[in-house]
Every structure is written in structure tokens, then in C-alpha cells.
Amino acid sequence: MLTVVPPLPGQIYGYSPEDFEPKMIEEGKAAIEAFAKEYAPGAHTKAHIAQGQPYAAILDLAEKISADIIVMASHRPELKDYFLGPNAARVVRHAQCSVMVVRR
């Protein structure tokens, strides 16, 4: 299971606390572990957390662990990304394994 902490916009760095990113990473890891415990009780899962662009982090981890399938959620589309969200669309196009997209 993976959660990705997106990059902060450059203009925010001067206004955010010094420990903002480490706290985001820590909270993200706790959230993904809680999610796994609630929705996959008893299953063998491993929590991963990454920083950066979500689609790139997903593809990198899938390649690193030789994933057989990627299962990910996609938000309801806006007109600009009508069929799939931009991250889901990029993962589907570039993944080396099967991808299952679940609508939220």
C-alpha cells in the first residue's frame, strides 16, 4: 500500500514550519497503516510512503517491487480529465503491469 505526499509549491516553503514535510510524511504513514488495518485486516500488507508526483511515485514503486497489479482510486472527472484523473491516466498508460482503477 502506498501513499504519496505531493511536493509543496515553492511559494509555500517560506511560510510553512520547518518540520512541515517530515510531519506530513509521518501522518501519511500512520494514515496508510490505519487504512490497511481497517480495510485489509489480517492481510499481509506493507505500508510505503513516497514524496513527489503521485503517478511517478506509483510507477517507481511498482517497478521496484515487481508488482503484478496496481489498484488505485480515481476521483470523479472534471471536463479536462473526463475519463480518468490525470494521475490514474498516466499510471494506466505507463505501467509495466496491469492496473485496476476504482471510481470513488
N, C-alpha and C. Protein backbone atom coordinates (compact mmCIF):
# COMPACT_ATOMS: atom_id res chain seq x y z
N MET A 1 0.85 -1.15 0.00
CA MET A 1 0.00 0.00 0.00
C MET A 1 0.90 1.23 0.00
N LEU A 2 0.48 2.21 -0.78
CA LEU A 2 1.31 3.40 -0.96
C LEU A 2 0.48 4.66 -0.78
N THR A 3 1.06 5.62 -0.12
CA THR A 3 0.52 6.97 -0.12
C THR A 3 1.64 7.90 -0.55
N VAL A 4 1.27 8.95 -1.26
CA VAL A 4 2.27 9.87 -1.80
C VAL A 4 2.01 11.26 -1.26
N VAL A 5 3.05 11.85 -0.70
CA VAL A 5 3.00 13.23 -0.24
C VAL A 5 3.44 14.09 -1.42
N PRO A 6 2.52 14.88 -1.98
CA PRO A 6 2.89 15.68 -3.15
C PRO A 6 3.87 16.79 -2.78
N PRO A 7 4.61 17.27 -3.77
CA PRO A 7 5.56 18.36 -3.49
C PRO A 7 4.82 19.64 -3.11
N LEU A 8 5.42 20.39 -2.20
CA LEU A 8 4.85 21.68 -1.83
C LEU A 8 5.18 22.71 -2.91
N PRO A 9 4.23 23.56 -3.24
CA PRO A 9 4.55 24.65 -4.16
C PRO A 9 5.66 25.52 -3.57
N GLY A 10 6.54 26.00 -4.40
CA GLY A 10 7.70 26.78 -3.96
C GLY A 10 7.36 27.97 -3.08
N GLN A 11 6.25 28.64 -3.36
CA GLN A 11 5.90 29.83 -2.59
C GLN A 11 5.48 29.51 -1.17
N ILE A 12 5.19 28.26 -0.86
CA ILE A 12 4.76 27.88 0.49
C ILE A 12 5.95 27.64 1.42
N TYR A 13 7.11 27.28 0.86
CA TYR A 13 8.26 26.95 1.70
C TYR A 13 8.59 28.03 2.71
N GLY A 14 8.53 29.27 2.35
CA GLY A 14 8.88 30.34 3.27
C GLY A 14 7.87 30.53 4.39
N TYR A 15 6.65 30.01 4.23
CA TYR A 15 5.59 30.22 5.20
C TYR A 15 5.24 28.99 6.02
N SER A 16 5.79 27.85 5.67
CA SER A 16 5.46 26.63 6.40
C SER A 16 6.50 26.38 7.50
N PRO A 17 6.08 25.71 8.58
CA PRO A 17 7.03 25.40 9.65
C PRO A 17 8.16 24.51 9.12
N GLU A 18 9.30 24.58 9.76
CA GLU A 18 10.48 23.83 9.31
C GLU A 18 10.22 22.32 9.29
N ASP A 19 9.42 21.83 10.22
CA ASP A 19 9.17 20.39 10.29
C ASP A 19 7.89 19.97 9.56
N PHE A 20 7.38 20.79 8.67
CA PHE A 20 6.11 20.52 7.98
C PHE A 20 6.17 19.25 7.15
N GLU A 21 7.18 19.12 6.30
CA GLU A 21 7.27 17.93 5.44
C GLU A 21 7.48 16.64 6.25
N PRO A 22 8.39 16.61 7.20
CA PRO A 22 8.52 15.37 8.00
C PRO A 22 7.22 14.98 8.71
N LYS A 23 6.47 15.99 9.20
CA LYS A 23 5.19 15.70 9.85
C LYS A 23 4.18 15.15 8.85
N MET A 24 4.17 15.69 7.64
CA MET A 24 3.26 15.18 6.61
C MET A 24 3.59 13.73 6.29
N ILE A 25 4.86 13.41 6.21
CA ILE A 25 5.28 12.04 5.92
C ILE A 25 4.87 11.11 7.06
N GLU A 26 5.11 11.54 8.28
CA GLU A 26 4.75 10.74 9.46
C GLU A 26 3.24 10.50 9.52
N GLU A 27 2.46 11.54 9.30
CA GLU A 27 1.00 11.41 9.32
C GLU A 27 0.51 10.56 8.15
N GLY A 28 1.14 10.67 7.00
CA GLY A 28 0.77 9.85 5.86
C GLY A 28 1.00 8.38 6.12
N LYS A 29 2.13 8.06 6.72
CA LYS A 29 2.43 6.66 7.04
C LYS A 29 1.43 6.12 8.06
N ALA A 30 1.11 6.90 9.08
CA ALA A 30 0.12 6.47 10.08
C ALA A 30 -1.24 6.26 9.42
N ALA A 31 -1.62 7.13 8.50
CA ALA A 31 -2.92 7.01 7.83
C ALA A 31 -2.98 5.76 6.97
N ILE A 32 -1.93 5.45 6.23
CA ILE A 32 -1.94 4.27 5.36
C ILE A 32 -1.93 3.00 6.19
N GLU A 33 -1.24 3.00 7.32
CA GLU A 33 -1.25 1.83 8.20
C GLU A 33 -2.63 1.62 8.82
N ALA A 34 -3.30 2.71 9.21
CA ALA A 34 -4.66 2.61 9.76
C ALA A 34 -5.63 2.12 8.69
N PHE A 35 -5.47 2.61 7.48
CA PHE A 35 -6.31 2.17 6.35
C PHE A 35 -6.15 0.67 6.13
N ALA A 36 -4.91 0.20 6.12
CA ALA A 36 -4.65 -1.23 5.90
C ALA A 36 -5.27 -2.07 7.02
N LYS A 37 -5.15 -1.60 8.24
CA LYS A 37 -5.69 -2.34 9.38
C LYS A 37 -7.21 -2.43 9.30
N GLU A 38 -7.86 -1.34 8.87
CA GLU A 38 -9.32 -1.31 8.81
C GLU A 38 -9.87 -2.07 7.60
N TYR A 39 -9.26 -1.87 6.43
CA TYR A 39 -9.84 -2.41 5.20
C TYR A 39 -9.21 -3.71 4.72
N ALA A 40 -8.09 -4.10 5.30
CA ALA A 40 -7.46 -5.37 4.92
C ALA A 40 -6.99 -6.09 6.18
N PRO A 41 -7.91 -6.30 7.15
CA PRO A 41 -7.49 -6.93 8.40
C PRO A 41 -6.99 -8.35 8.15
N GLY A 42 -5.88 -8.66 8.75
CA GLY A 42 -5.33 -10.00 8.61
C GLY A 42 -4.53 -10.22 7.34
N ALA A 43 -4.60 -9.31 6.39
CA ALA A 43 -3.84 -9.47 5.15
C ALA A 43 -2.40 -9.03 5.38
N HIS A 44 -1.50 -9.65 4.64
CA HIS A 44 -0.10 -9.26 4.72
C HIS A 44 0.09 -8.02 3.85
N THR A 45 0.26 -6.88 4.46
CA THR A 45 0.45 -5.63 3.72
C THR A 45 1.71 -4.94 4.22
N LYS A 46 2.24 -4.09 3.39
CA LYS A 46 3.37 -3.27 3.79
C LYS A 46 3.05 -1.84 3.37
N ALA A 47 3.21 -0.91 4.30
CA ALA A 47 2.94 0.49 4.02
C ALA A 47 4.18 1.15 3.42
N HIS A 48 3.96 1.86 2.34
CA HIS A 48 5.03 2.63 1.70
C HIS A 48 4.58 4.08 1.66
N ILE A 49 5.52 4.97 1.77
CA ILE A 49 5.23 6.39 1.62
C ILE A 49 6.31 6.98 0.73
N ALA A 50 5.88 7.85 -0.16
CA ALA A 50 6.82 8.47 -1.09
C ALA A 50 6.50 9.96 -1.18
N GLN A 51 7.46 10.71 -1.66
CA GLN A 51 7.27 12.13 -1.90
C GLN A 51 7.43 12.38 -3.39
N GLY A 52 6.68 13.33 -3.90
CA GLY A 52 6.82 13.70 -5.30
C GLY A 52 5.50 13.65 -6.03
N GLN A 53 5.58 13.55 -7.34
CA GLN A 53 4.38 13.46 -8.17
C GLN A 53 3.76 12.08 -7.96
N PRO A 54 2.47 12.00 -7.67
CA PRO A 54 1.85 10.71 -7.39
C PRO A 54 2.06 9.65 -8.47
N TYR A 55 1.82 9.99 -9.73
CA TYR A 55 1.95 8.98 -10.78
C TYR A 55 3.38 8.45 -10.87
N ALA A 56 4.37 9.31 -10.72
CA ALA A 56 5.76 8.87 -10.80
C ALA A 56 6.12 7.97 -9.62
N ALA A 57 5.65 8.32 -8.43
CA ALA A 57 5.94 7.51 -7.25
C ALA A 57 5.28 6.13 -7.36
N ILE A 58 4.06 6.08 -7.88
CA ILE A 58 3.36 4.81 -8.05
C ILE A 58 4.12 3.93 -9.03
N LEU A 59 4.48 4.50 -10.17
CA LEU A 59 5.20 3.73 -11.19
C LEU A 59 6.56 3.27 -10.68
N ASP A 60 7.28 4.12 -9.97
CA ASP A 60 8.59 3.76 -9.42
C ASP A 60 8.48 2.60 -8.44
N LEU A 61 7.51 2.67 -7.51
CA LEU A 61 7.38 1.60 -6.53
C LEU A 61 6.94 0.30 -7.21
N ALA A 62 6.01 0.38 -8.14
CA ALA A 62 5.55 -0.83 -8.84
C ALA A 62 6.71 -1.53 -9.53
N GLU A 63 7.59 -0.75 -10.15
CA GLU A 63 8.75 -1.34 -10.81
C GLU A 63 9.73 -1.92 -9.78
N LYS A 64 9.95 -1.18 -8.71
CA LYS A 64 10.91 -1.60 -7.68
C LYS A 64 10.52 -2.92 -7.04
N ILE A 65 9.22 -3.12 -6.78
CA ILE A 65 8.77 -4.35 -6.10
C ILE A 65 8.25 -5.40 -7.08
N SER A 66 8.39 -5.13 -8.38
CA SER A 66 7.91 -6.05 -9.42
C SER A 66 6.43 -6.39 -9.21
N ALA A 67 5.61 -5.35 -9.09
CA ALA A 67 4.18 -5.53 -8.83
C ALA A 67 3.51 -6.27 -10.00
N ASP A 68 2.56 -7.13 -9.68
CA ASP A 68 1.76 -7.81 -10.69
C ASP A 68 0.57 -6.97 -11.11
N ILE A 69 0.07 -6.14 -10.19
CA ILE A 69 -1.08 -5.29 -10.47
C ILE A 69 -1.01 -4.05 -9.59
N ILE A 70 -1.53 -2.96 -10.10
CA ILE A 70 -1.68 -1.72 -9.35
C ILE A 70 -3.18 -1.49 -9.22
N VAL A 71 -3.66 -1.30 -8.00
CA VAL A 71 -5.06 -0.97 -7.76
C VAL A 71 -5.08 0.42 -7.18
N MET A 72 -5.81 1.31 -7.84
CA MET A 72 -5.83 2.69 -7.38
C MET A 72 -7.20 3.31 -7.57
N ALA A 73 -7.47 4.34 -6.80
CA ALA A 73 -8.74 5.07 -6.90
C ALA A 73 -8.57 6.23 -7.86
N SER A 74 -9.69 6.64 -8.43
CA SER A 74 -9.70 7.83 -9.28
C SER A 74 -10.91 8.67 -8.90
N HIS A 75 -10.70 9.97 -8.79
CA HIS A 75 -11.80 10.87 -8.43
C HIS A 75 -12.77 11.03 -9.59
N ARG A 76 -13.92 11.59 -9.30
CA ARG A 76 -14.88 11.90 -10.37
C ARG A 76 -14.25 12.94 -11.28
N PRO A 77 -14.36 12.74 -12.58
CA PRO A 77 -13.64 13.63 -13.50
C PRO A 77 -14.26 15.01 -13.66
N GLU A 78 -13.39 15.92 -13.96
CA GLU A 78 -13.80 17.24 -14.40
C GLU A 78 -13.75 17.19 -15.92
N LEU A 79 -14.18 18.22 -16.59
CA LEU A 79 -14.20 18.22 -18.04
C LEU A 79 -12.81 17.99 -18.62
N LYS A 80 -11.78 18.58 -17.99
CA LYS A 80 -10.42 18.47 -18.54
C LYS A 80 -9.85 17.06 -18.46
N ASP A 81 -10.33 16.24 -17.53
CA ASP A 81 -9.81 14.88 -17.40
C ASP A 81 -10.99 13.91 -17.37
N TYR A 82 -11.80 13.95 -18.38
CA TYR A 82 -13.11 13.32 -18.37
C TYR A 82 -13.12 11.83 -18.04
N PHE A 83 -12.28 11.02 -18.58
CA PHE A 83 -12.38 9.58 -18.34
C PHE A 83 -11.64 9.12 -17.10
N LEU A 84 -10.45 9.60 -16.88
CA LEU A 84 -9.66 9.24 -15.70
C LEU A 84 -8.97 10.49 -15.19
N GLY A 85 -8.69 10.52 -13.89
CA GLY A 85 -7.91 11.64 -13.35
C GLY A 85 -6.53 11.61 -13.96
N PRO A 86 -5.82 12.72 -13.92
CA PRO A 86 -4.51 12.79 -14.57
C PRO A 86 -3.50 11.78 -14.03
N ASN A 87 -3.50 11.53 -12.72
CA ASN A 87 -2.55 10.55 -12.17
C ASN A 87 -2.92 9.14 -12.60
N ALA A 88 -4.21 8.78 -12.49
CA ALA A 88 -4.65 7.45 -12.90
C ALA A 88 -4.37 7.23 -14.39
N ALA A 89 -4.64 8.22 -15.20
CA ALA A 89 -4.41 8.09 -16.64
C ALA A 89 -2.93 7.85 -16.95
N ARG A 90 -2.06 8.57 -16.28
CA ARG A 90 -0.62 8.38 -16.51
C ARG A 90 -0.16 7.01 -16.05
N VAL A 91 -0.66 6.56 -14.90
CA VAL A 91 -0.28 5.23 -14.42
C VAL A 91 -0.76 4.16 -15.41
N VAL A 92 -1.99 4.26 -15.86
CA VAL A 92 -2.53 3.28 -16.81
C VAL A 92 -1.69 3.26 -18.09
N ARG A 93 -1.33 4.41 -18.59
CA ARG A 93 -0.56 4.48 -19.84
C ARG A 93 0.86 3.95 -19.71
N HIS A 94 1.49 4.14 -18.56
CA HIS A 94 2.92 3.87 -18.45
C HIS A 94 3.30 2.67 -17.59
N ALA A 95 2.36 2.06 -16.90
CA ALA A 95 2.69 0.93 -16.01
C ALA A 95 3.12 -0.29 -16.83
N GLN A 96 4.03 -1.05 -16.26
CA GLN A 96 4.51 -2.28 -16.89
C GLN A 96 3.67 -3.48 -16.46
N CYS A 97 2.68 -3.26 -15.60
CA CYS A 97 1.81 -4.34 -15.14
C CYS A 97 0.36 -3.90 -15.32
N SER A 98 -0.56 -4.77 -14.99
CA SER A 98 -1.98 -4.44 -15.07
C SER A 98 -2.34 -3.38 -14.06
N VAL A 99 -3.35 -2.57 -14.39
CA VAL A 99 -3.81 -1.50 -13.49
C VAL A 99 -5.32 -1.60 -13.38
N MET A 100 -5.81 -1.59 -12.15
CA MET A 100 -7.25 -1.58 -11.91
C MET A 100 -7.60 -0.24 -11.26
N VAL A 101 -8.46 0.51 -11.91
CA VAL A 101 -8.86 1.83 -11.41
C VAL A 101 -10.26 1.72 -10.83
N VAL A 102 -10.41 2.12 -9.57
CA VAL A 102 -11.68 2.06 -8.88
C VAL A 102 -12.20 3.48 -8.71
N ARG A 103 -13.42 3.72 -9.19
CA ARG A 103 -14.00 5.06 -9.05
C ARG A 103 -14.44 5.29 -7.63
N ARG A 104 -14.19 6.49 -7.13
CA ARG A 104 -14.64 6.87 -5.79
C ARG A 104 -15.87 7.73 -5.92
